[in-house]
Structures are given as structure tokens and as C-alpha cells.
């Protein structure tokens, strides 16, 4: 696809008042300076609070739209004149999705379908969805809904016809300090001298919110439609993580919670058959599509390759995680 001229680009972020959305808005205004930047979310209080940081008055390019991705008509109205949509709206708390499965399906699956339909109908050029490692071989409803959302986005390109709209996904691991992250919990428990961990052997992929934003912006420039982009990340054991955040504290083992995995996977062995490796990322192509010829600097993966947090060659030390926390403002 052609290079984005940000000065002539209208961007809309669904879920724009969330952790990711707010940081994305900050980066776009600072680095990209788009023609217009629309925050689309359903929480008027969060929009009011966000408006104090990013005003929508005067010559500001920022605009706020109250709306829900479950409402296709509202999306269609909001998407008029938009060139780029970053789809970050989702129910993401595993226990909430397990207890409210119909609501999770309506937001994460039907909401994604509505984004696709509205984008095609209004002529949005690029639409990039934010996904998660929990979408790979999911064991909980959140992961299952994100898996379906990924499939909808990849196959959404088949519904475009002769229009110019293109869809792609990013998929990455745990974000340090995001809402629901274990990091703030450990920091709070540190005061009492005991931290609760599900299993000392548990491993997770980690990145900062800034790294996630940078990755998404990179993928927007590189997308042609149909890809799932996966960054190269470091992983860490849960006991080492707890020690890095709360050194010297007692670790109480409470067992793995329902819907949790011991380890996470970013690329399954089956997906690796149609995945290309670059120095900074992996790109998963549609299984039914022809994988492009390997370009300079890119490599085919070995048969049976799986990108999992327990077998990851890039393991983070406690010192490295402490530095990661510091760079995130913790």
C-alpha cells in the first residue's frame, strides 16, 4: 500500500479511552500529527477526563464520539471521512468474559464484524486490529473471541470486492502496567511483604505500552491486507517477575486460575508453515493465500517452529524487567 501522508489522514481509534487508546492518541499527536483524530468509546466519564489532556477545542484535531462497537449504525456515522481505523475496543478481563460470555461475544466478535462492515461501506482505507497471544489455542472465552476476531479481520479482505479497504491484525503479549496487569497487584502486595503467584513455573511474553504503540504504527505502514503481525519479545518466569517487583517478599503459591495457561504462545506450529521471519517481527499470512516470496532480510521458519513463552530464547532477567518498569514510569 502507499505510504501514509499523516497530514492528510483522518484516524479513528475504537476503545480510544483505554490504556492503549490513550497512549496511541498521545503518540499520534506528538509524532504523526494527523489531520483529524477521533476517539470512539462508550464511556462519557473517561472521555471527559481524557478531554482534559487532549482538548477538542480551537485548532485541535481531536474529536470525541460516544458510541459502542456493537452499534453498526453509529460506527458507520463515525467512519465517514476516516482513512485509518485502529480497532482496540474489547472486553479483555478474563474473569469478566467467563462470567458474561454473551457480552464478550457481542463486543469482541459482533463488534469486530460491525467495524469491518462499516469500514467497507464508508471506504476506510486501512483497518488494523489489536489482538493478543491468548488468541492462539485459546483456553478461555476472551482468547476464543479474539481468535474469532482475528479470523474475521483476515477474511474481511475477501468481502471488500473492488474497494480499497484493507484489514490486518497485530498480536502481542502482556503489556506492563496495563489495566488488569499483575504488575500493579505485585506492587501493592509488596507493602504487606507477601505476593501471590499462580505458579512459579508460569511464563509470559512482556512489552511496554510504548513498545506496543510503536509496533502498531510500524505495522500500519507495512500492512497490505490479511497479515497478522507478531513482534519479537522477551519472556519471563512468574517467580522471577515477582522477585524483580517485590524483592525479598514471601511468594505465596495460589494455583493457576480458571482460564489461564501455564505458558502462552504467539505463533503455533501450524501457523509457522505460512509465517515469515524478519529481524524485528514475524508476519503470519493467510493459510489459503500464497505466502509472498521471501524478501531480503526475511527467512522461512523451520518446520514445526512454535513461538512460545517457555521455549523462547530471549529470556528477561530481573534487572532487565526492572529497567522495563522504569521506562514505563513505574
C-alpha atoms as a PDB file:
ATOM      1  CA  UNK A   1       0.000   0.000   0.000  1.00  0.00           C
ATOM      2  CA  UNK A   2       1.061   3.597  -0.491  1.00  0.00           C
ATOM      3  CA  UNK A   3       2.904   5.458   2.269  1.00  0.00           C
ATOM      4  CA  UNK A   4       0.611   7.321   4.658  1.00  0.00           C
ATOM      5  CA  UNK A   5       0.552  11.104   4.430  1.00  0.00           C
ATOM      6  CA  UNK A   6      -0.381  11.728   8.044  1.00  0.00           C
ATOM      7  CA  UNK A   7      -1.103  15.423   7.498  1.00  0.00           C
ATOM      8  CA  UNK A   8      -3.940  14.378   5.172  1.00  0.00           C
ATOM      9  CA  UNK A   9      -5.104  11.385   7.229  1.00  0.00           C
ATOM     10  CA  UNK A  10      -8.134  11.144   9.495  1.00  0.00           C
ATOM     11  CA  UNK A  11      -7.619   8.468  12.177  1.00  0.00           C
ATOM     12  CA  UNK A  12     -10.246   6.838  14.407  1.00  0.00           C
ATOM     13  CA  UNK A  13      -9.357   4.714  17.443  1.00  0.00           C
ATOM     14  CA  UNK A  14     -12.058   2.398  18.809  1.00  0.00           C
ATOM     15  CA  UNK A  15     -11.665   1.901  22.544  1.00  0.00           C
ATOM     16  CA  UNK A  16      -9.801   5.200  22.460  1.00  0.00           C
ATOM     17  CA  UNK A  17     -10.144   5.881  26.201  1.00  0.00           C
ATOM     18  CA  UNK A  18      -8.437   2.636  27.275  1.00  0.00           C
ATOM     19  CA  UNK A  19      -4.761   2.264  28.259  1.00  0.00           C
ATOM     20  CA  UNK A  20      -3.732   1.526  24.684  1.00  0.00           C
ATOM     21  CA  UNK A  21      -6.044   4.142  23.181  1.00  0.00           C
ATOM     22  CA  UNK A  22      -4.817   6.992  25.366  1.00  0.00           C
ATOM     23  CA  UNK A  23      -1.166   6.214  24.708  1.00  0.00           C
ATOM     24  CA  UNK A  24      -1.864   5.858  20.964  1.00  0.00           C
ATOM     25  CA  UNK A  25      -3.578   9.265  20.904  1.00  0.00           C
ATOM     26  CA  UNK A  26      -0.615  10.801  22.725  1.00  0.00           C
ATOM     27  CA  UNK A  27       1.884   9.332  20.234  1.00  0.00           C
ATOM     28  CA  UNK A  28      -0.160  10.238  17.174  1.00  0.00           C
ATOM     29  CA  UNK A  29      -0.491  13.847  18.270  1.00  0.00           C
ATOM     30  CA  UNK A  30       3.195  14.082  19.179  1.00  0.00           C
ATOM     31  CA  UNK A  31       4.806  12.214  16.282  1.00  0.00           C
ATOM     32  CA  UNK A  32       2.358  11.892  13.383  1.00  0.00           C
ATOM     33  CA  UNK A  33       0.140  14.989  13.631  1.00  0.00           C
ATOM     34  CA  UNK A  34      -2.840  13.616  11.697  1.00  0.00           C
ATOM     35  CA  UNK A  35      -5.400  15.849  10.023  1.00  0.00           C
ATOM     36  CA  UNK A  36      -8.082  14.639  12.464  1.00  0.00           C
ATOM     37  CA  UNK A  37      -8.026  12.159  15.347  1.00  0.00           C
ATOM     38  CA  UNK A  38     -11.306  10.659  16.556  1.00  0.00           C
ATOM     39  CA  UNK A  39     -11.625   8.882  19.909  1.00  0.00           C
ATOM     40  CA  UNK A  40     -14.531   6.428  19.756  1.00  0.00           C
ATOM     41  CA  UNK A  41     -15.678   4.841  23.028  1.00  0.00           C
ATOM     42  CA  UNK A  42     -18.787   4.278  25.122  1.00  0.00           C
ATOM     43  CA  UNK A  43     -17.689   5.839  28.442  1.00  0.00           C
ATOM     44  CA  UNK A  44     -18.540   9.539  28.702  1.00  0.00           C
ATOM     45  CA  UNK A  45     -16.689   9.951  32.015  1.00  0.00           C
ATOM     46  CA  UNK A  46     -13.434   8.621  30.549  1.00  0.00           C
ATOM     47  CA  UNK A  47     -13.908  10.882  27.544  1.00  0.00           C
ATOM     48  CA  UNK A  48     -14.448  13.856  29.846  1.00  0.00           C
ATOM     49  CA  UNK A  49     -11.258  13.013  31.773  1.00  0.00           C
ATOM     50  CA  UNK A  50      -9.318  12.445  28.564  1.00  0.00           C
ATOM     51  CA  UNK A  51     -10.534  15.753  27.187  1.00  0.00           C
ATOM     52  CA  UNK A  52      -8.578  17.496  29.973  1.00  0.00           C
ATOM     53  CA  UNK A  53      -5.351  16.073  28.493  1.00  0.00           C
ATOM     54  CA  UNK A  54      -6.317  16.259  24.843  1.00  0.00           C
ATOM     55  CA  UNK A  55      -8.767  19.140  24.307  1.00  0.00           C
ATOM     56  CA  UNK A  56     -11.086  19.175  21.305  1.00  0.00           C
ATOM     57  CA  UNK A  57     -11.358  22.961  21.118  1.00  0.00           C
ATOM     58  CA  UNK A  58      -9.662  25.595  18.984  1.00  0.00           C
ATOM     59  CA  UNK A  59      -7.417  24.180  16.277  1.00  0.00           C
ATOM     60  CA  UNK A  60      -7.099  20.762  17.963  1.00  0.00           C
ATOM     61  CA  UNK A  61      -7.512  17.804  15.548  1.00  0.00           C
ATOM     62  CA  UNK A  62      -9.054  15.710  18.347  1.00  0.00           C
ATOM     63  CA  UNK A  63     -12.741  14.791  18.324  1.00  0.00           C
ATOM     64  CA  UNK A  64     -14.726  12.588  20.734  1.00  0.00           C
ATOM     65  CA  UNK A  65     -17.512  10.230  19.650  1.00  0.00           C
ATOM     66  CA  UNK A  66     -19.698   8.428  22.182  1.00  0.00           C
ATOM     67  CA  UNK A  67     -20.567   5.052  20.718  1.00  0.00           C
ATOM     68  CA  UNK A  68     -20.351   1.282  21.053  1.00  0.00           C
ATOM     69  CA  UNK A  69     -18.827  -1.095  18.514  1.00  0.00           C
ATOM     70  CA  UNK A  70     -21.989  -3.170  18.975  1.00  0.00           C
ATOM     71  CA  UNK A  71     -23.879  -0.363  17.183  1.00  0.00           C
ATOM     72  CA  UNK A  72     -23.153  -0.645  13.465  1.00  0.00           C
ATOM     73  CA  UNK A  73     -25.149   2.477  12.573  1.00  0.00           C
ATOM     74  CA  UNK A  74     -23.120   4.602  14.962  1.00  0.00           C
ATOM     75  CA  UNK A  75     -19.875   3.163  13.582  1.00  0.00           C
ATOM     76  CA  UNK A  76     -20.981   3.948  10.042  1.00  0.00           C
ATOM     77  CA  UNK A  77     -21.706   7.524  11.057  1.00  0.00           C
ATOM     78  CA  UNK A  78     -18.348   7.849  12.845  1.00  0.00           C
ATOM     79  CA  UNK A  79     -16.346   6.301   9.961  1.00  0.00           C
ATOM     80  CA  UNK A  80     -17.437   8.805   7.317  1.00  0.00           C
ATOM     81  CA  UNK A  81     -14.331  10.570   6.032  1.00  0.00           C
ATOM     82  CA  UNK A  82     -11.971   8.339   8.037  1.00  0.00           C
ATOM     83  CA  UNK A  83      -8.839   6.951   6.324  1.00  0.00           C
ATOM     84  CA  UNK A  84      -7.427   4.758   9.098  1.00  0.00           C
ATOM     85  CA  UNK A  85      -9.141   2.831  11.904  1.00  0.00           C
ATOM     86  CA  UNK A  86      -7.190   1.298  14.796  1.00  0.00           C
ATOM     87  CA  UNK A  87      -9.539  -1.229  16.398  1.00  0.00           C
ATOM     88  CA  UNK A  88      -8.674  -1.597  20.098  1.00  0.00           C
ATOM     89  CA  UNK A  89     -12.164  -1.796  21.663  1.00  0.00           C
ATOM     90  CA  UNK A  90     -12.686  -5.078  23.513  1.00  0.00           C
ATOM     91  CA  UNK A  91     -13.745  -6.802  26.686  1.00  0.00           C
ATOM     92  CA  UNK A  92     -10.363  -8.066  27.865  1.00  0.00           C
ATOM     93  CA  UNK A  93     -10.666  -9.155  31.504  1.00  0.00           C
ATOM     94  CA  UNK A  94     -10.654 -12.966  31.523  1.00  0.00           C
ATOM     95  CA  UNK A  95     -12.949 -13.412  34.595  1.00  0.00           C
ATOM     96  CA  UNK A  96     -15.451 -10.848  33.260  1.00  0.00           C
ATOM     97  CA  UNK A  97     -15.598 -12.615  29.900  1.00  0.00           C
ATOM     98  CA  UNK A  98     -16.043 -16.007  31.578  1.00  0.00           C
ATOM     99  CA  UNK A  99     -18.910 -14.734  33.751  1.00  0.00           C
ATOM    100  CA  UNK A 100     -20.530 -12.666  30.987  1.00  0.00           C
ATOM    101  CA  UNK A 101     -19.946 -14.761  27.861  1.00  0.00           C
ATOM    102  CA  UNK A 102     -22.769 -13.291  25.760  1.00  0.00           C
ATOM    103  CA  UNK A 103     -21.470  -9.777  26.425  1.00  0.00           C
ATOM    104  CA  UNK A 104     -17.933 -10.790  25.419  1.00  0.00           C
ATOM    105  CA  UNK A 105     -19.227 -12.264  22.157  1.00  0.00           C
ATOM    106  CA  UNK A 106     -21.305  -9.166  21.393  1.00  0.00           C
ATOM    107  CA  UNK A 107     -18.350  -6.816  21.898  1.00  0.00           C
ATOM    108  CA  UNK A 108     -15.343  -8.820  20.734  1.00  0.00           C
ATOM    109  CA  UNK A 109     -16.919 -10.752  17.858  1.00  0.00           C
ATOM    110  CA  UNK A 110     -20.042  -8.937  16.713  1.00  0.00           C
ATOM    111  CA  UNK A 111     -18.395  -5.586  17.413  1.00  0.00           C
ATOM    112  CA  UNK A 112     -15.481  -6.595  15.185  1.00  0.00           C
ATOM    113  CA  UNK A 113     -17.896  -7.636  12.438  1.00  0.00           C
ATOM    114  CA  UNK A 114     -19.555  -4.227  12.695  1.00  0.00           C
ATOM    115  CA  UNK A 115     -16.181  -2.475  12.381  1.00  0.00           C
ATOM    116  CA  UNK A 116     -15.431  -4.481   9.232  1.00  0.00           C
ATOM    117  CA  UNK A 117     -18.833  -3.804   7.652  1.00  0.00           C
ATOM    118  CA  UNK A 118     -18.784  -0.095   8.494  1.00  0.00           C
ATOM    119  CA  UNK A 119     -15.226   0.309   7.200  1.00  0.00           C
ATOM    120  CA  UNK A 120     -16.060  -1.301   3.855  1.00  0.00           C
ATOM    121  CA  UNK A 121     -19.304   0.640   3.458  1.00  0.00           C
ATOM    122  CA  UNK A 122     -17.653   4.010   4.182  1.00  0.00           C
ATOM    123  CA  UNK A 123     -14.427   3.439   2.229  1.00  0.00           C
ATOM    124  CA  UNK A 124     -11.904   3.412   5.081  1.00  0.00           C
ATOM    125  CA  UNK A 125      -8.513   2.605   3.536  1.00  0.00           C
ATOM    126  CA  UNK A 126      -6.732   0.741   6.358  1.00  0.00           C
ATOM    127  CA  UNK A 127      -8.077  -1.016   9.436  1.00  0.00           C
ATOM    128  CA  UNK A 128      -5.688  -2.595  11.947  1.00  0.00           C
ATOM    129  CA  UNK A 129      -6.918  -4.669  14.902  1.00  0.00           C
ATOM    130  CA  UNK A 130      -5.066  -5.178  18.187  1.00  0.00           C
ATOM    131  CA  UNK A 131      -5.065  -8.829  19.304  1.00  0.00           C
ATOM    132  CA  UNK A 132      -3.395 -10.981  21.968  1.00  0.00           C
ATOM    133  CA  UNK A 133      -1.343 -14.136  22.458  1.00  0.00           C
ATOM    134  CA  UNK A 134      -4.407 -15.578  24.202  1.00  0.00           C
ATOM    135  CA  UNK A 135      -5.994 -15.939  20.747  1.00  0.00           C
ATOM    136  CA  UNK A 136      -3.585 -18.810  19.979  1.00  0.00           C
ATOM    137  CA  UNK A 137      -5.033 -22.202  21.011  1.00  0.00           C
ATOM    138  CA  UNK A 138      -7.366 -20.411  23.453  1.00  0.00           C
ATOM    139  CA  UNK A 139      -8.449 -21.967  26.749  1.00  0.00           C
ATOM    140  CA  UNK A 140     -10.706 -19.116  27.880  1.00  0.00           C
ATOM    141  CA  UNK A 141     -13.567 -17.200  26.311  1.00  0.00           C
ATOM    142  CA  UNK A 142     -11.560 -13.988  25.966  1.00  0.00           C
ATOM    143  CA  UNK A 143      -8.946 -15.788  23.874  1.00  0.00           C
ATOM    144  CA  UNK A 144     -11.631 -17.569  21.858  1.00  0.00           C
ATOM    145  CA  UNK A 145     -13.388 -14.308  20.996  1.00  0.00           C
ATOM    146  CA  UNK A 146     -10.091 -12.701  19.979  1.00  0.00           C
ATOM    147  CA  UNK A 147      -9.294 -15.717  17.803  1.00  0.00           C
ATOM    148  CA  UNK A 148     -12.607 -15.257  16.002  1.00  0.00           C
ATOM    149  CA  UNK A 149     -11.973 -11.511  15.733  1.00  0.00           C
ATOM    150  CA  UNK A 150      -8.600 -12.211  14.094  1.00  0.00           C
ATOM    151  CA  UNK A 151     -10.199 -14.614  11.623  1.00  0.00           C
ATOM    152  CA  UNK A 152     -12.890 -12.062  10.794  1.00  0.00           C
ATOM    153  CA  UNK A 153     -10.293  -9.383  10.134  1.00  0.00           C
ATOM    154  CA  UNK A 154      -8.099 -11.574   7.948  1.00  0.00           C
ATOM    155  CA  UNK A 155     -11.061 -12.839   5.924  1.00  0.00           C
ATOM    156  CA  UNK A 156     -12.650  -9.384   5.888  1.00  0.00           C
ATOM    157  CA  UNK A 157     -10.396  -8.657   2.914  1.00  0.00           C
ATOM    158  CA  UNK A 158     -12.432 -11.170   0.890  1.00  0.00           C
ATOM    159  CA  UNK A 159     -15.577  -9.062   1.393  1.00  0.00           C
ATOM    160  CA  UNK A 160     -14.039  -5.865   0.041  1.00  0.00           C
ATOM    161  CA  UNK A 161     -14.513  -6.634  -3.648  1.00  0.00           C
ATOM    162  CA  UNK A 162     -13.169  -3.819  -5.836  1.00  0.00           C
ATOM    163  CA  UNK A 163     -12.980  -1.346  -2.938  1.00  0.00           C
ATOM    164  CA  UNK A 164      -9.702  -0.186  -1.418  1.00  0.00           C
ATOM    165  CA  UNK A 165     -10.291  -1.145   2.246  1.00  0.00           C
ATOM    166  CA  UNK A 166      -7.669  -3.480   3.739  1.00  0.00           C
ATOM    167  CA  UNK A 167      -7.644  -5.289   7.084  1.00  0.00           C
ATOM    168  CA  UNK A 168      -4.750  -6.664   9.166  1.00  0.00           C
ATOM    169  CA  UNK A 169      -4.010  -7.606  12.798  1.00  0.00           C
ATOM    170  CA  UNK A 170      -1.283  -7.202  15.380  1.00  0.00           C
ATOM    171  CA  UNK A 171      -0.832  -9.857  18.053  1.00  0.00           C
ATOM    172  CA  UNK A 172       1.386  -9.469  21.108  1.00  0.00           C
ATOM    173  CA  UNK A 173       1.809 -10.481  24.770  1.00  0.00           C
ATOM    174  CA  UNK A 174       1.310  -8.927  28.209  1.00  0.00           C
ATOM    175  CA  UNK A 175       1.639  -5.155  28.481  1.00  0.00           C
ATOM    176  CA  UNK A 176       3.487  -3.908  31.569  1.00  0.00           C
ATOM    177  CA  UNK A 177       1.144  -1.982  33.832  1.00  0.00           C
ATOM    178  CA  UNK A 178      -1.951  -2.112  31.622  1.00  0.00           C
ATOM    179  CA  UNK A 179      -5.369  -2.407  33.260  1.00  0.00           C
ATOM    180  CA  UNK A 180      -5.636  -5.875  34.791  1.00  0.00           C
ATOM    181  CA  UNK A 181      -1.872  -6.433  34.717  1.00  0.00           C
ATOM    182  CA  UNK A 182      -0.234  -8.351  37.546  1.00  0.00           C
ATOM    183  CA  UNK A 183       2.406  -5.616  37.934  1.00  0.00           C
ATOM    184  CA  UNK A 184       0.261  -3.120  39.909  1.00  0.00           C
ATOM    185  CA  UNK A 185      -1.014  -6.034  42.033  1.00  0.00           C
ATOM    186  CA  UNK A 186       2.519  -7.120  42.976  1.00  0.00           C
ATOM    187  CA  UNK A 187       3.492  -3.530  43.742  1.00  0.00           C
ATOM    188  CA  UNK A 188       0.544  -3.188  46.108  1.00  0.00           C
ATOM    189  CA  UNK A 189       1.148  -6.575  47.772  1.00  0.00           C
ATOM    190  CA  UNK A 190       4.810  -5.715  48.295  1.00  0.00           C
ATOM    191  CA  UNK A 191       3.796  -3.346  51.077  1.00  0.00           C
ATOM    192  CA  UNK A 192       2.465  -6.304  53.103  1.00  0.00           C
ATOM    193  CA  UNK A 193       5.558  -8.440  52.437  1.00  0.00           C
ATOM    194  CA  UNK A 194       3.759 -11.264  50.580  1.00  0.00           C
ATOM    195  CA  UNK A 195       2.940 -11.578  46.884  1.00  0.00           C
ATOM    196  CA  UNK A 196       0.542 -14.186  45.477  1.00  0.00           C
ATOM    197  CA  UNK A 197       1.628 -16.021  42.345  1.00  0.00           C
ATOM    198  CA  UNK A 198      -0.342 -18.631  40.478  1.00  0.00           C
ATOM    199  CA  UNK A 199       2.654 -20.821  39.600  1.00  0.00           C
ATOM    200  CA  UNK A 200       6.392 -20.144  39.827  1.00  0.00           C
ATOM    201  CA  UNK A 201       6.866 -22.000  36.523  1.00  0.00           C
ATOM    202  CA  UNK A 202       4.383 -19.810  34.605  1.00  0.00           C
ATOM    203  CA  UNK A 203       5.927 -17.759  31.804  1.00  0.00           C
ATOM    204  CA  UNK A 204       4.637 -14.766  29.851  1.00  0.00           C
ATOM    205  CA  UNK A 205       5.751 -12.524  26.982  1.00  0.00           C
ATOM    206  CA  UNK A 206       6.225  -8.906  28.082  1.00  0.00           C
ATOM    207  CA  UNK A 207       6.411  -5.488  26.414  1.00  0.00           C
ATOM    208  CA  UNK A 208       5.783  -1.891  27.421  1.00  0.00           C
ATOM    209  CA  UNK A 209       2.821   0.136  26.239  1.00  0.00           C
ATOM    210  CA  UNK A 210       5.219   2.342  24.263  1.00  0.00           C
ATOM    211  CA  UNK A 211       6.655  -0.730  22.538  1.00  0.00           C
ATOM    212  CA  UNK A 212       3.132  -1.881  21.670  1.00  0.00           C
ATOM    213  CA  UNK A 213       2.257   1.531  20.197  1.00  0.00           C
ATOM    214  CA  UNK A 214       5.483   1.646  18.163  1.00  0.00           C
ATOM    215  CA  UNK A 215       4.804  -1.839  16.850  1.00  0.00           C
ATOM    216  CA  UNK A 216       1.236  -0.983  15.793  1.00  0.00           C
ATOM    217  CA  UNK A 217       2.391   2.174  13.991  1.00  0.00           C
ATOM    218  CA  UNK A 218       5.092   0.167  12.193  1.00  0.00           C
ATOM    219  CA  UNK A 219       2.521  -2.407  11.090  1.00  0.00           C
ATOM    220  CA  UNK A 220       0.164   0.281   9.782  1.00  0.00           C
ATOM    221  CA  UNK A 221       2.923   1.362   7.403  1.00  0.00           C
ATOM    222  CA  UNK A 222       3.800  -2.218   6.370  1.00  0.00           C
ATOM    223  CA  UNK A 223       0.347  -3.773   6.001  1.00  0.00           C
ATOM    224  CA  UNK A 224      -1.040  -4.824   2.625  1.00  0.00           C
ATOM    225  CA  UNK A 225      -4.073  -6.679   3.991  1.00  0.00           C
ATOM    226  CA  UNK A 226      -4.552 -10.126   5.517  1.00  0.00           C
ATOM    227  CA  UNK A 227      -1.446 -10.232   7.716  1.00  0.00           C
ATOM    228  CA  UNK A 228      -1.126 -10.970  11.420  1.00  0.00           C
ATOM    229  CA  UNK A 229       1.968  -9.158  12.701  1.00  0.00           C
ATOM    230  CA  UNK A 230       3.808 -10.583  15.746  1.00  0.00           C
ATOM    231  CA  UNK A 231       6.710  -8.746  17.445  1.00  0.00           C
ATOM    232  CA  UNK A 232       9.797 -10.435  18.835  1.00  0.00           C
ATOM    233  CA  UNK A 233       9.506 -10.222  22.614  1.00  0.00           C
ATOM    234  CA  UNK A 234      11.319 -11.367  25.736  1.00  0.00           C
ATOM    235  CA  UNK A 235       9.579 -13.699  28.175  1.00  0.00           C
ATOM    236  CA  UNK A 236       9.940 -14.264  31.906  1.00  0.00           C
ATOM    237  CA  UNK A 237       9.036 -16.728  34.642  1.00  0.00           C
ATOM    238  CA  UNK A 238       6.447 -15.576  37.140  1.00  0.00           C
ATOM    239  CA  UNK A 239       8.623 -16.193  40.214  1.00  0.00           C
ATOM    240  CA  UNK A 240      11.425 -14.104  38.681  1.00  0.00           C
ATOM    241  CA  UNK A 241       8.904 -11.397  37.837  1.00  0.00           C
ATOM    242  CA  UNK A 242       7.622 -11.312  41.418  1.00  0.00           C
ATOM    243  CA  UNK A 243      11.162 -11.127  42.764  1.00  0.00           C
ATOM    244  CA  UNK A 244      12.011  -8.251  40.399  1.00  0.00           C
ATOM    245  CA  UNK A 245       8.985  -6.224  41.532  1.00  0.00           C
ATOM    246  CA  UNK A 246       8.952  -7.243  45.204  1.00  0.00           C
ATOM    247  CA  UNK A 247      12.490  -8.341  46.122  1.00  0.00           C
ATOM    248  CA  UNK A 248      12.750 -10.330  49.337  1.00  0.00           C
ATOM    249  CA  UNK A 249       8.997 -10.753  49.744  1.00  0.00           C
ATOM    250  CA  UNK A 250       7.443 -14.117  50.503  1.00  0.00           C
ATOM    251  CA  UNK A 251       5.812 -15.750  47.470  1.00  0.00           C
ATOM    252  CA  UNK A 252       2.525 -17.489  48.187  1.00  0.00           C
ATOM    253  CA  UNK A 253       1.516 -20.040  45.520  1.00  0.00           C
ATOM    254  CA  UNK A 254      -2.259 -19.889  44.924  1.00  0.00           C
ATOM    255  CA  UNK A 255      -2.562 -22.100  41.828  1.00  0.00           C
ATOM    256  CA  UNK A 256      -3.493 -21.374  38.238  1.00  0.00           C
ATOM    257  CA  UNK A 257      -6.886 -19.707  37.908  1.00  0.00           C
ATOM    258  CA  UNK A 258      -9.641 -20.980  35.592  1.00  0.00           C
ATOM    259  CA  UNK A 259      -8.992 -19.916  32.020  1.00  0.00           C
ATOM    260  CA  UNK A 260      -5.237 -19.431  32.480  1.00  0.00           C
ATOM    261  CA  UNK A 261      -2.403 -21.216  30.701  1.00  0.00           C
ATOM    262  CA  UNK A 262       0.932 -22.131  32.221  1.00  0.00           C
ATOM    263  CA  UNK A 263       2.651 -20.718  29.121  1.00  0.00           C
ATOM    264  CA  UNK A 264       1.470 -18.524  26.231  1.00  0.00           C
ATOM    265  CA  UNK A 265       2.067 -18.947  22.516  1.00  0.00           C
ATOM    266  CA  UNK A 266       2.341 -16.180  19.930  1.00  0.00           C
ATOM    267  CA  UNK A 267       2.713 -18.435  16.874  1.00  0.00           C
ATOM    268  CA  UNK A 268       1.535 -22.031  16.782  1.00  0.00           C
ATOM    269  CA  UNK A 269       3.392 -24.791  14.938  1.00  0.00           C
ATOM    270  CA  UNK A 270       0.609 -24.926  12.336  1.00  0.00           C
ATOM    271  CA  UNK A 271       0.744 -21.161  11.766  1.00  0.00           C
ATOM    272  CA  UNK A 272       4.517 -21.266  11.309  1.00  0.00           C
ATOM    273  CA  UNK A 273       4.027 -23.038   7.966  1.00  0.00           C
ATOM    274  CA  UNK A 274       2.738 -19.780   6.483  1.00  0.00           C
ATOM    275  CA  UNK A 275       4.835 -17.340   8.533  1.00  0.00           C
ATOM    276  CA  UNK A 276       7.886 -15.310   7.514  1.00  0.00           C
ATOM    277  CA  UNK A 277      10.501 -14.102   9.999  1.00  0.00           C
ATOM    278  CA  UNK A 278      12.081 -10.644   9.875  1.00  0.00           C
ATOM    279  CA  UNK A 279      14.700  -9.176  12.188  1.00  0.00           C
ATOM    280  CA  UNK A 280      12.086  -7.336  14.256  1.00  0.00           C
ATOM    281  CA  UNK A 281       8.911  -9.388  13.785  1.00  0.00           C
ATOM    282  CA  UNK A 282       7.083 -12.359  12.340  1.00  0.00           C
ATOM    283  CA  UNK A 283       4.348 -11.986   9.727  1.00  0.00           C
ATOM    284  CA  UNK A 284       1.630 -14.649   9.512  1.00  0.00           C
ATOM    285  CA  UNK A 285      -0.114 -14.804   6.144  1.00  0.00           C
ATOM    286  CA  UNK A 286      -3.493 -16.320   5.338  1.00  0.00           C
ATOM    287  CA  UNK A 287      -3.190 -20.094   5.132  1.00  0.00           C
ATOM    288  CA  UNK A 288      -5.233 -20.243   1.931  1.00  0.00           C
ATOM    289  CA  UNK A 289      -3.256 -17.415   0.359  1.00  0.00           C
ATOM    290  CA  UNK A 290       0.079 -17.687  -1.322  1.00  0.00           C
ATOM    291  CA  UNK A 291       2.893 -16.688   1.017  1.00  0.00           C
ATOM    292  CA  UNK A 292       4.974 -13.990  -0.697  1.00  0.00           C
ATOM    293  CA  UNK A 293       8.469 -14.845  -1.814  1.00  0.00           C
ATOM    294  CA  UNK A 294      10.989 -14.239   0.930  1.00  0.00           C
ATOM    295  CA  UNK A 295      12.390 -10.719   0.627  1.00  0.00           C
ATOM    296  CA  UNK A 296      15.968  -9.712   1.543  1.00  0.00           C
ATOM    297  CA  UNK A 297      16.395  -9.900   5.313  1.00  0.00           C
ATOM    298  CA  UNK A 298      13.477 -12.319   5.742  1.00  0.00           C
ATOM    299  CA  UNK A 299      13.584 -16.042   6.484  1.00  0.00           C
ATOM    300  CA  UNK A 300      11.299 -19.045   6.258  1.00  0.00           C
ATOM    301  CA  UNK A 301      10.716 -20.751   9.615  1.00  0.00           C
ATOM    302  CA  UNK A 302      11.919 -24.244  10.396  1.00  0.00           C
ATOM    303  CA  UNK A 303       9.243 -26.967  10.177  1.00  0.00           C
ATOM    304  CA  UNK A 304       7.407 -27.336  13.486  1.00  0.00           C
ATOM    305  CA  UNK A 305       8.571 -23.964  14.838  1.00  0.00           C
ATOM    306  CA  UNK A 306       6.420 -22.643  17.691  1.00  0.00           C
ATOM    307  CA  UNK A 307       6.873 -19.261  19.347  1.00  0.00           C
ATOM    308  CA  UNK A 308       6.011 -19.941  22.990  1.00  0.00           C
ATOM    309  CA  UNK A 309       6.969 -18.140  26.187  1.00  0.00           C
ATOM    310  CA  UNK A 310       8.545 -21.200  27.831  1.00  0.00           C
ATOM    311  CA  UNK A 311      10.782 -22.095  24.859  1.00  0.00           C
ATOM    312  CA  UNK A 312      11.669 -18.504  23.985  1.00  0.00           C
ATOM    313  CA  UNK A 313      15.411 -17.978  23.535  1.00  0.00           C
ATOM    314  CA  UNK A 314      15.008 -14.359  24.670  1.00  0.00           C
ATOM    315  CA  UNK A 315      14.541 -14.650  28.445  1.00  0.00           C
ATOM    316  CA  UNK A 316      14.333 -11.499  30.531  1.00  0.00           C
ATOM    317  CA  UNK A 317      16.355 -11.113  33.739  1.00  0.00           C
ATOM    318  CA  UNK A 318      15.101  -9.368  36.848  1.00  0.00           C
ATOM    319  CA  UNK A 319      17.378  -6.402  36.118  1.00  0.00           C
ATOM    320  CA  UNK A 320      16.044  -6.137  32.564  1.00  0.00           C
ATOM    321  CA  UNK A 321      12.467  -6.219  33.821  1.00  0.00           C
ATOM    322  CA  UNK A 322      13.241  -3.527  36.397  1.00  0.00           C
ATOM    323  CA  UNK A 323      14.598  -1.370  33.572  1.00  0.00           C
ATOM    324  CA  UNK A 324      11.448  -2.113  31.568  1.00  0.00           C
ATOM    325  CA  UNK A 325       9.339  -0.988  34.520  1.00  0.00           C
ATOM    326  CA  UNK A 326      11.373   2.195  34.903  1.00  0.00           C
ATOM    327  CA  UNK A 327      10.965   3.012  31.202  1.00  0.00           C
ATOM    328  CA  UNK A 328       7.205   2.587  31.648  1.00  0.00           C
ATOM    329  CA  UNK A 329       7.081   5.077  34.505  1.00  0.00           C
ATOM    330  CA  UNK A 330       6.855   2.541  37.347  1.00  0.00           C
END
